[in-house]
PDB file of N, CA and C in Angstrom:
ATOM      1  N   UNK A   1      18.914  -7.889  -7.341  1.00  0.00           N
ATOM      2  CA  UNK A   1      19.185  -6.245  -7.290  1.00  0.00           C
ATOM      3  C   UNK A   1      20.484  -6.242  -8.414  1.00  0.00           C
ATOM      4  N   UNK A   2      20.298  -5.046  -8.932  1.00  0.00           N
ATOM      5  CA  UNK A   2      21.139  -4.642 -10.002  1.00  0.00           C
ATOM      6  C   UNK A   2      22.407  -4.366  -9.473  1.00  0.00           C
ATOM      7  N   UNK A   3      23.400  -4.528 -10.254  1.00  0.00           N
ATOM      8  CA  UNK A   3      24.744  -4.015  -9.892  1.00  0.00           C
ATOM      9  C   UNK A   3      25.238  -3.067 -11.129  1.00  0.00           C
ATOM     10  N   UNK A   4      25.932  -2.218 -10.904  1.00  0.00           N
ATOM     11  CA  UNK A   4      26.577  -1.389 -12.004  1.00  0.00           C
ATOM     12  C   UNK A   4      27.908  -1.874 -12.678  1.00  0.00           C
ATOM     13  N   UNK A   5      27.629  -1.861 -14.127  1.00  0.00           N
ATOM     14  CA  UNK A   5      28.847  -2.170 -14.800  1.00  0.00           C
ATOM     15  C   UNK A   5      29.380  -1.173 -15.436  1.00  0.00           C
ATOM     16  N   UNK A   6      29.411   0.184 -14.661  1.00  0.00           N
ATOM     17  CA  UNK A   6      30.539   1.225 -15.138  1.00  0.00           C
ATOM     18  C   UNK A   6      31.354   1.046 -14.147  1.00  0.00           C
ATOM     19  N   UNK A   7      32.623   1.481 -14.568  1.00  0.00           N
ATOM     20  CA  UNK A   7      33.906   1.622 -13.763  1.00  0.00           C
ATOM     21  C   UNK A   7      34.037   3.176 -13.531  1.00  0.00           C
ATOM     22  N   UNK A   8      34.311   3.326 -12.303  1.00  0.00           N
ATOM     23  CA  UNK A   8      34.694   4.673 -11.774  1.00  0.00           C
ATOM     24  C   UNK A   8      35.639   5.472 -12.533  1.00  0.00           C
ATOM     25  N   UNK A   9      35.484   6.936 -12.591  1.00  0.00           N
ATOM     26  CA  UNK A   9      36.617   7.440 -13.261  1.00  0.00           C
ATOM     27  C   UNK A   9      37.593   7.622 -12.336  1.00  0.00           C
ATOM     28  N   UNK A  10      39.046   7.827 -12.545  1.00  0.00           N
ATOM     29  CA  UNK A  10      40.284   7.820 -11.919  1.00  0.00           C
ATOM     30  C   UNK A  10      40.270   9.406 -11.616  1.00  0.00           C
ATOM     31  N   UNK A  11      40.312   9.228 -10.100  1.00  0.00           N
ATOM     32  CA  UNK A  11      40.097  10.758  -9.427  1.00  0.00           C
ATOM     33  C   UNK A  11      41.565  11.384  -9.911  1.00  0.00           C
ATOM     34  N   UNK A  12      41.359  13.036 -10.031  1.00  0.00           N
ATOM     35  CA  UNK A  12      42.304  13.614 -10.454  1.00  0.00           C
ATOM     36  C   UNK A  12      43.677  13.445  -9.271  1.00  0.00           C
ATOM     37  N   UNK A  13      44.662  13.673  -9.742  1.00  0.00           N
ATOM     38  CA  UNK A  13      45.887  13.606  -8.966  1.00  0.00           C
ATOM     39  C   UNK A  13      46.075  14.669  -7.976  1.00  0.00           C
ATOM     40  N   UNK A  14      46.002  14.620  -6.585  1.00  0.00           N
ATOM     41  CA  UNK A  14      45.583  15.622  -5.688  1.00  0.00           C
ATOM     42  C   UNK A  14      44.770  16.629  -5.752  1.00  0.00           C
ATOM     43  N   UNK A  15      44.442  17.408  -4.766  1.00  0.00           N
ATOM     44  CA  UNK A  15      43.358  18.324  -4.617  1.00  0.00           C
ATOM     45  C   UNK A  15      44.035  19.461  -5.295  1.00  0.00           C
ATOM     46  N   UNK A  16      42.707  20.099  -5.774  1.00  0.00           N
ATOM     47  CA  UNK A  16      43.204  21.319  -6.849  1.00  0.00           C
ATOM     48  C   UNK A  16      43.582  21.059  -8.185  1.00  0.00           C
ATOM     49  N   UNK A  17      43.465  20.082  -8.569  1.00  0.00           N
ATOM     50  CA  UNK A  17      43.865  19.592 -10.039  1.00  0.00           C
ATOM     51  C   UNK A  17      42.566  19.885 -10.850  1.00  0.00           C
ATOM     52  N   UNK A  18      43.104  19.907 -12.044  1.00  0.00           N
ATOM     53  CA  UNK A  18      42.024  20.372 -13.067  1.00  0.00           C
ATOM     54  C   UNK A  18      41.291  19.073 -13.322  1.00  0.00           C
ATOM     55  N   UNK A  19      39.892  19.417 -13.444  1.00  0.00           N
ATOM     56  CA  UNK A  19      39.083  18.097 -13.774  1.00  0.00           C
ATOM     57  C   UNK A  19      39.390  17.340 -15.375  1.00  0.00           C
ATOM     58  N   UNK A  20      39.250  15.908 -15.397  1.00  0.00           N
ATOM     59  CA  UNK A  20      39.565  15.629 -16.814  1.00  0.00           C
ATOM     60  C   UNK A  20      38.743  16.098 -17.901  1.00  0.00           C
ATOM     61  N   UNK A  21      37.309  16.628 -17.532  1.00  0.00           N
ATOM     62  CA  UNK A  21      36.549  17.423 -18.531  1.00  0.00           C
ATOM     63  C   UNK A  21      36.553  18.617 -18.203  1.00  0.00           C
ATOM     64  N   UNK A  22      36.992  19.707 -18.439  1.00  0.00           N
ATOM     65  CA  UNK A  22      36.710  20.960 -17.815  1.00  0.00           C
ATOM     66  C   UNK A  22      35.598  21.629 -18.335  1.00  0.00           C
ATOM     67  N   UNK A  23      34.695  22.264 -17.372  1.00  0.00           N
ATOM     68  CA  UNK A  23      33.364  22.600 -17.903  1.00  0.00           C
ATOM     69  C   UNK A  23      33.748  23.874 -19.072  1.00  0.00           C
ATOM     70  N   UNK A  24      32.911  23.851 -20.146  1.00  0.00           N
ATOM     71  CA  UNK A  24      32.969  25.222 -20.948  1.00  0.00           C
ATOM     72  C   UNK A  24      34.424  24.692 -22.031  1.00  0.00           C
ATOM     73  N   UNK A  25      34.857  23.456 -22.213  1.00  0.00           N
ATOM     74  CA  UNK A  25      36.073  23.424 -22.909  1.00  0.00           C
ATOM     75  C   UNK A  25      35.518  23.400 -24.427  1.00  0.00           C
ATOM     76  N   UNK A  26      36.545  23.873 -25.193  1.00  0.00           N
ATOM     77  CA  UNK A  26      36.043  24.130 -26.579  1.00  0.00           C
ATOM     78  C   UNK A  26      35.904  22.574 -27.221  1.00  0.00           C
ATOM     79  N   UNK A  27      34.783  22.661 -28.122  1.00  0.00           N
ATOM     80  CA  UNK A  27      34.611  21.295 -28.666  1.00  0.00           C
ATOM     81  C   UNK A  27      35.246  21.243 -29.992  1.00  0.00           C
ATOM     82  N   UNK A  28      36.060  20.417 -30.249  1.00  0.00           N
ATOM     83  CA  UNK A  28      37.046  20.421 -31.778  1.00  0.00           C
ATOM     84  C   UNK A  28      36.071  20.268 -32.939  1.00  0.00           C
ATOM     85  N   UNK A  29      34.974  19.452 -32.738  1.00  0.00           N
ATOM     86  CA  UNK A  29      34.139  19.428 -33.772  1.00  0.00           C
ATOM     87  C   UNK A  29      33.131  20.428 -34.308  1.00  0.00           C
ATOM     88  N   UNK A  30      32.675  21.231 -33.057  1.00  0.00           N
ATOM     89  CA  UNK A  30      31.734  22.399 -33.219  1.00  0.00           C
ATOM     90  C   UNK A  30      32.382  23.522 -33.182  1.00  0.00           C
ATOM     91  N   UNK A  31      33.657  23.848 -32.676  1.00  0.00           N
ATOM     92  CA  UNK A  31      34.206  25.034 -32.386  1.00  0.00           C
ATOM     93  C   UNK A  31      33.379  25.913 -31.580  1.00  0.00           C
ATOM     94  N   UNK A  32      32.615  25.631 -30.717  1.00  0.00           N
ATOM     95  CA  UNK A  32      31.905  26.605 -29.911  1.00  0.00           C
ATOM     96  C   UNK A  32      31.928  25.944 -28.546  1.00  0.00           C
ATOM     97  N   UNK A  33      31.520  26.919 -27.692  1.00  0.00           N
ATOM     98  CA  UNK A  33      31.323  26.373 -26.221  1.00  0.00           C
ATOM     99  C   UNK A  33      30.273  26.091 -25.654  1.00  0.00           C
ATOM    100  N   UNK A  34      30.143  24.983 -25.053  1.00  0.00           N
ATOM    101  CA  UNK A  34      28.824  24.471 -24.664  1.00  0.00           C
ATOM    102  C   UNK A  34      28.383  25.009 -23.260  1.00  0.00           C
ATOM    103  N   UNK A  35      27.822  25.645 -23.008  1.00  0.00           N
ATOM    104  CA  UNK A  35      27.441  26.676 -21.983  1.00  0.00           C
ATOM    105  C   UNK A  35      26.305  25.611 -20.744  1.00  0.00           C
ATOM    106  N   UNK A  36      25.939  24.525 -21.348  1.00  0.00           N
ATOM    107  CA  UNK A  36      25.051  23.891 -20.330  1.00  0.00           C
ATOM    108  C   UNK A  36      23.543  24.489 -20.382  1.00  0.00           C
ATOM    109  N   UNK A  37      23.338  25.322 -21.225  1.00  0.00           N
ATOM    110  CA  UNK A  37      21.803  25.922 -21.323  1.00  0.00           C
ATOM    111  C   UNK A  37      21.177  25.402 -22.522  1.00  0.00           C
ATOM    112  N   UNK A  38      19.987  25.043 -22.255  1.00  0.00           N
ATOM    113  CA  UNK A  38      19.185  24.492 -23.312  1.00  0.00           C
ATOM    114  C   UNK A  38      19.427  22.902 -23.652  1.00  0.00           C
ATOM    115  N   UNK A  39      19.138  22.511 -24.802  1.00  0.00           N
ATOM    116  CA  UNK A  39      19.168  21.199 -25.196  1.00  0.00           C
ATOM    117  C   UNK A  39      19.891  21.181 -26.756  1.00  0.00           C
ATOM    118  N   UNK A  40      20.610  20.011 -27.030  1.00  0.00           N
ATOM    119  CA  UNK A  40      21.209  20.184 -28.458  1.00  0.00           C
ATOM    120  C   UNK A  40      20.225  19.461 -29.048  1.00  0.00           C
ATOM    121  N   UNK A  41      20.299  19.923 -30.617  1.00  0.00           N
ATOM    122  CA  UNK A  41      19.393  19.350 -31.331  1.00  0.00           C
ATOM    123  C   UNK A  41      19.152  18.001 -31.226  1.00  0.00           C
ATOM    124  N   UNK A  42      17.869  17.267 -31.560  1.00  0.00           N
ATOM    125  CA  UNK A  42      17.921  15.844 -31.416  1.00  0.00           C
ATOM    126  C   UNK A  42      18.797  15.269 -32.765  1.00  0.00           C
ATOM    127  N   UNK A  43      18.699  15.479 -33.690  1.00  0.00           N
ATOM    128  CA  UNK A  43      19.710  15.335 -34.930  1.00  0.00           C
ATOM    129  C   UNK A  43      21.116  14.997 -34.553  1.00  0.00           C
ATOM    130  N   UNK A  44      21.666  16.080 -33.669  1.00  0.00           N
ATOM    131  CA  UNK A  44      23.038  16.059 -33.107  1.00  0.00           C
ATOM    132  C   UNK A  44      23.122  14.743 -32.077  1.00  0.00           C
ATOM    133  N   UNK A  45      21.979  14.815 -31.245  1.00  0.00           N
ATOM    134  CA  UNK A  45      22.162  13.670 -30.295  1.00  0.00           C
ATOM    135  C   UNK A  45      22.206  12.301 -30.952  1.00  0.00           C
ATOM    136  N   UNK A  46      21.492  12.276 -32.173  1.00  0.00           N
ATOM    137  CA  UNK A  46      21.207  10.733 -32.660  1.00  0.00           C
ATOM    138  C   UNK A  46      22.776  10.622 -33.428  1.00  0.00           C
ATOM    139  N   UNK A  47      23.518  11.577 -33.794  1.00  0.00           N
ATOM    140  CA  UNK A  47      24.538  11.429 -34.553  1.00  0.00           C
ATOM    141  C   UNK A  47      25.560  11.368 -33.843  1.00  0.00           C
ATOM    142  N   UNK A  48      25.549  11.467 -32.375  1.00  0.00           N
ATOM    143  CA  UNK A  48      26.625  11.180 -31.576  1.00  0.00           C
ATOM    144  C   UNK A  48      27.039   9.711 -31.238  1.00  0.00           C
ATOM    145  N   UNK A  49      28.384   9.633 -31.533  1.00  0.00           N
ATOM    146  CA  UNK A  49      29.022   7.879 -31.290  1.00  0.00           C
ATOM    147  C   UNK A  49      28.586   7.204 -29.989  1.00  0.00           C
ATOM    148  N   UNK A  50      28.567   8.046 -28.982  1.00  0.00           N
ATOM    149  CA  UNK A  50      28.309   7.469 -27.898  1.00  0.00           C
ATOM    150  C   UNK A  50      26.910   7.012 -27.803  1.00  0.00           C
ATOM    151  N   UNK A  51      25.601   7.736 -28.229  1.00  0.00           N
ATOM    152  CA  UNK A  51      24.569   7.466 -28.210  1.00  0.00           C
ATOM    153  C   UNK A  51      24.277   6.421 -29.365  1.00  0.00           C
ATOM    154  N   UNK A  52      24.913   6.272 -30.240  1.00  0.00           N
ATOM    155  CA  UNK A  52      24.773   5.119 -31.342  1.00  0.00           C
ATOM    156  C   UNK A  52      25.380   4.188 -30.919  1.00  0.00           C
ATOM    157  N   UNK A  53      26.518   4.038 -29.835  1.00  0.00           N
ATOM    158  CA  UNK A  53      26.958   2.711 -29.625  1.00  0.00           C
ATOM    159  C   UNK A  53      26.052   2.115 -28.177  1.00  0.00           C
ATOM    160  N   UNK A  54      25.521   2.877 -27.528  1.00  0.00           N
ATOM    161  CA  UNK A  54      24.650   2.731 -26.572  1.00  0.00           C
ATOM    162  C   UNK A  54      23.239   1.956 -27.095  1.00  0.00           C
ATOM    163  N   UNK A  55      22.825   2.398 -28.218  1.00  0.00           N
ATOM    164  CA  UNK A  55      21.725   2.195 -28.690  1.00  0.00           C
ATOM    165  C   UNK A  55      21.868   0.632 -29.484  1.00  0.00           C
ATOM    166  N   UNK A  56      23.269   0.357 -29.891  1.00  0.00           N
ATOM    167  CA  UNK A  56      23.497  -0.844 -30.757  1.00  0.00           C
ATOM    168  C   UNK A  56      23.586  -1.821 -29.599  1.00  0.00           C
ATOM    169  N   UNK A  57      23.932  -1.572 -28.603  1.00  0.00           N
ATOM    170  CA  UNK A  57      24.078  -2.385 -27.262  1.00  0.00           C
ATOM    171  C   UNK A  57      22.784  -2.834 -26.773  1.00  0.00           C
ATOM    172  N   UNK A  58      22.043  -1.698 -26.779  1.00  0.00           N
ATOM    173  CA  UNK A  58      20.529  -2.216 -25.991  1.00  0.00           C
ATOM    174  C   UNK A  58      19.413  -2.654 -27.067  1.00  0.00           C
ATOM    175  N   UNK A  59      20.177  -2.883 -28.680  1.00  0.00           N
ATOM    176  CA  UNK A  59      19.290  -3.364 -29.576  1.00  0.00           C
ATOM    177  C   UNK A  59      18.012  -2.304 -30.040  1.00  0.00           C
ATOM    178  N   UNK A  60      18.306  -1.233 -29.863  1.00  0.00           N
ATOM    179  CA  UNK A  60      17.478  -0.322 -30.267  1.00  0.00           C
ATOM    180  C   UNK A  60      17.852   0.556 -31.380  1.00  0.00           C
ATOM    181  N   UNK A  61      17.063   0.518 -32.838  1.00  0.00           N
ATOM    182  CA  UNK A  61      17.277   1.245 -33.831  1.00  0.00           C
ATOM    183  C   UNK A  61      16.709   2.730 -33.902  1.00  0.00           C
ATOM    184  N   UNK A  62      17.361   3.231 -34.862  1.00  0.00           N
ATOM    185  CA  UNK A  62      17.224   4.981 -34.579  1.00  0.00           C
ATOM    186  C   UNK A  62      15.743   5.096 -34.903  1.00  0.00           C
ATOM    187  N   UNK A  63      15.229   4.185 -36.225  1.00  0.00           N
ATOM    188  CA  UNK A  63      13.873   4.244 -36.448  1.00  0.00           C
ATOM    189  C   UNK A  63      12.695   4.127 -35.547  1.00  0.00           C
ATOM    190  N   UNK A  64      12.976   3.304 -34.573  1.00  0.00           N
ATOM    191  CA  UNK A  64      12.286   2.765 -33.609  1.00  0.00           C
ATOM    192  C   UNK A  64      12.119   4.020 -32.592  1.00  0.00           C
ATOM    193  N   UNK A  65      13.588   4.394 -31.963  1.00  0.00           N
ATOM    194  CA  UNK A  65      13.509   5.493 -31.238  1.00  0.00           C
ATOM    195  C   UNK A  65      12.885   6.881 -31.782  1.00  0.00           C
ATOM    196  N   UNK A  66      13.010   6.979 -32.835  1.00  0.00           N
ATOM    197  CA  UNK A  66      12.417   8.303 -33.345  1.00  0.00           C
ATOM    198  C   UNK A  66      10.837   8.237 -33.515  1.00  0.00           C
ATOM    199  N   UNK A  67      10.684   7.013 -33.746  1.00  0.00           N
ATOM    200  CA  UNK A  67       9.279   6.445 -33.717  1.00  0.00           C
ATOM    201  C   UNK A  67       8.294   6.929 -32.513  1.00  0.00           C
ATOM    202  N   UNK A  68       9.293   6.413 -31.405  1.00  0.00           N
ATOM    203  CA  UNK A  68       8.517   6.771 -29.970  1.00  0.00           C
ATOM    204  C   UNK A  68       8.601   7.922 -29.594  1.00  0.00           C
ATOM    205  N   UNK A  69       9.672   8.838 -30.137  1.00  0.00           N
ATOM    206  CA  UNK A  69       9.563  10.346 -29.869  1.00  0.00           C
ATOM    207  C   UNK A  69       8.593  10.849 -30.434  1.00  0.00           C
ATOM    208  N   UNK A  70       8.249  10.470 -31.372  1.00  0.00           N
ATOM    209  CA  UNK A  70       7.330  11.231 -32.064  1.00  0.00           C
ATOM    210  C   UNK A  70       5.646  10.782 -31.521  1.00  0.00           C
ATOM    211  N   UNK A  71       5.891   9.508 -31.183  1.00  0.00           N
ATOM    212  CA  UNK A  71       4.438   9.344 -30.596  1.00  0.00           C
ATOM    213  C   UNK A  71       4.366   9.960 -29.355  1.00  0.00           C
ATOM    214  N   UNK A  72       5.292  10.317 -28.172  1.00  0.00           N
ATOM    215  CA  UNK A  72       5.354  11.006 -27.277  1.00  0.00           C
ATOM    216  C   UNK A  72       4.864  12.141 -27.345  1.00  0.00           C
ATOM    217  N   UNK A  73       5.423  12.601 -28.399  1.00  0.00           N
ATOM    218  CA  UNK A  73       5.250  14.154 -28.716  1.00  0.00           C
ATOM    219  C   UNK A  73       3.893  14.572 -29.181  1.00  0.00           C
ATOM    220  N   UNK A  74       3.394  13.485 -29.930  1.00  0.00           N
ATOM    221  CA  UNK A  74       1.969  13.869 -30.182  1.00  0.00           C
ATOM    222  C   UNK A  74       1.033  13.714 -29.198  1.00  0.00           C
ATOM    223  N   UNK A  75       1.039  12.920 -28.185  1.00  0.00           N
ATOM    224  CA  UNK A  75       0.591  12.947 -27.057  1.00  0.00           C
ATOM    225  C   UNK A  75       0.566  13.701 -26.201  1.00  0.00           C
ATOM    226  N   UNK A  76       1.762  14.398 -26.060  1.00  0.00           N
ATOM    227  CA  UNK A  76       1.850  15.644 -25.058  1.00  0.00           C
ATOM    228  C   UNK A  76       1.638  16.901 -25.791  1.00  0.00           C
ATOM    229  N   UNK A  77       1.397  16.947 -27.117  1.00  0.00           N
ATOM    230  CA  UNK A  77       1.282  18.279 -27.733  1.00  0.00           C
ATOM    231  C   UNK A  77       0.046  18.337 -28.062  1.00  0.00           C
TER     232      UNK A  77
END
């Protein structure tokens, strides 16, 4: 049986408190609002620090992942 290694987020203080990550919050990096519509470009995902850390933890190189994505795209398209 698998167990989660994640630690749950601390709940907000009391009901009605603002969420820790408000929807539509301005991104300091991009200066735009993410509306949750569509997908970010692959290059932006690959440059994300969290994605890079997860890949490193799992022993996945960027070249490996991009190669797999290209292979899947060629089979679907």
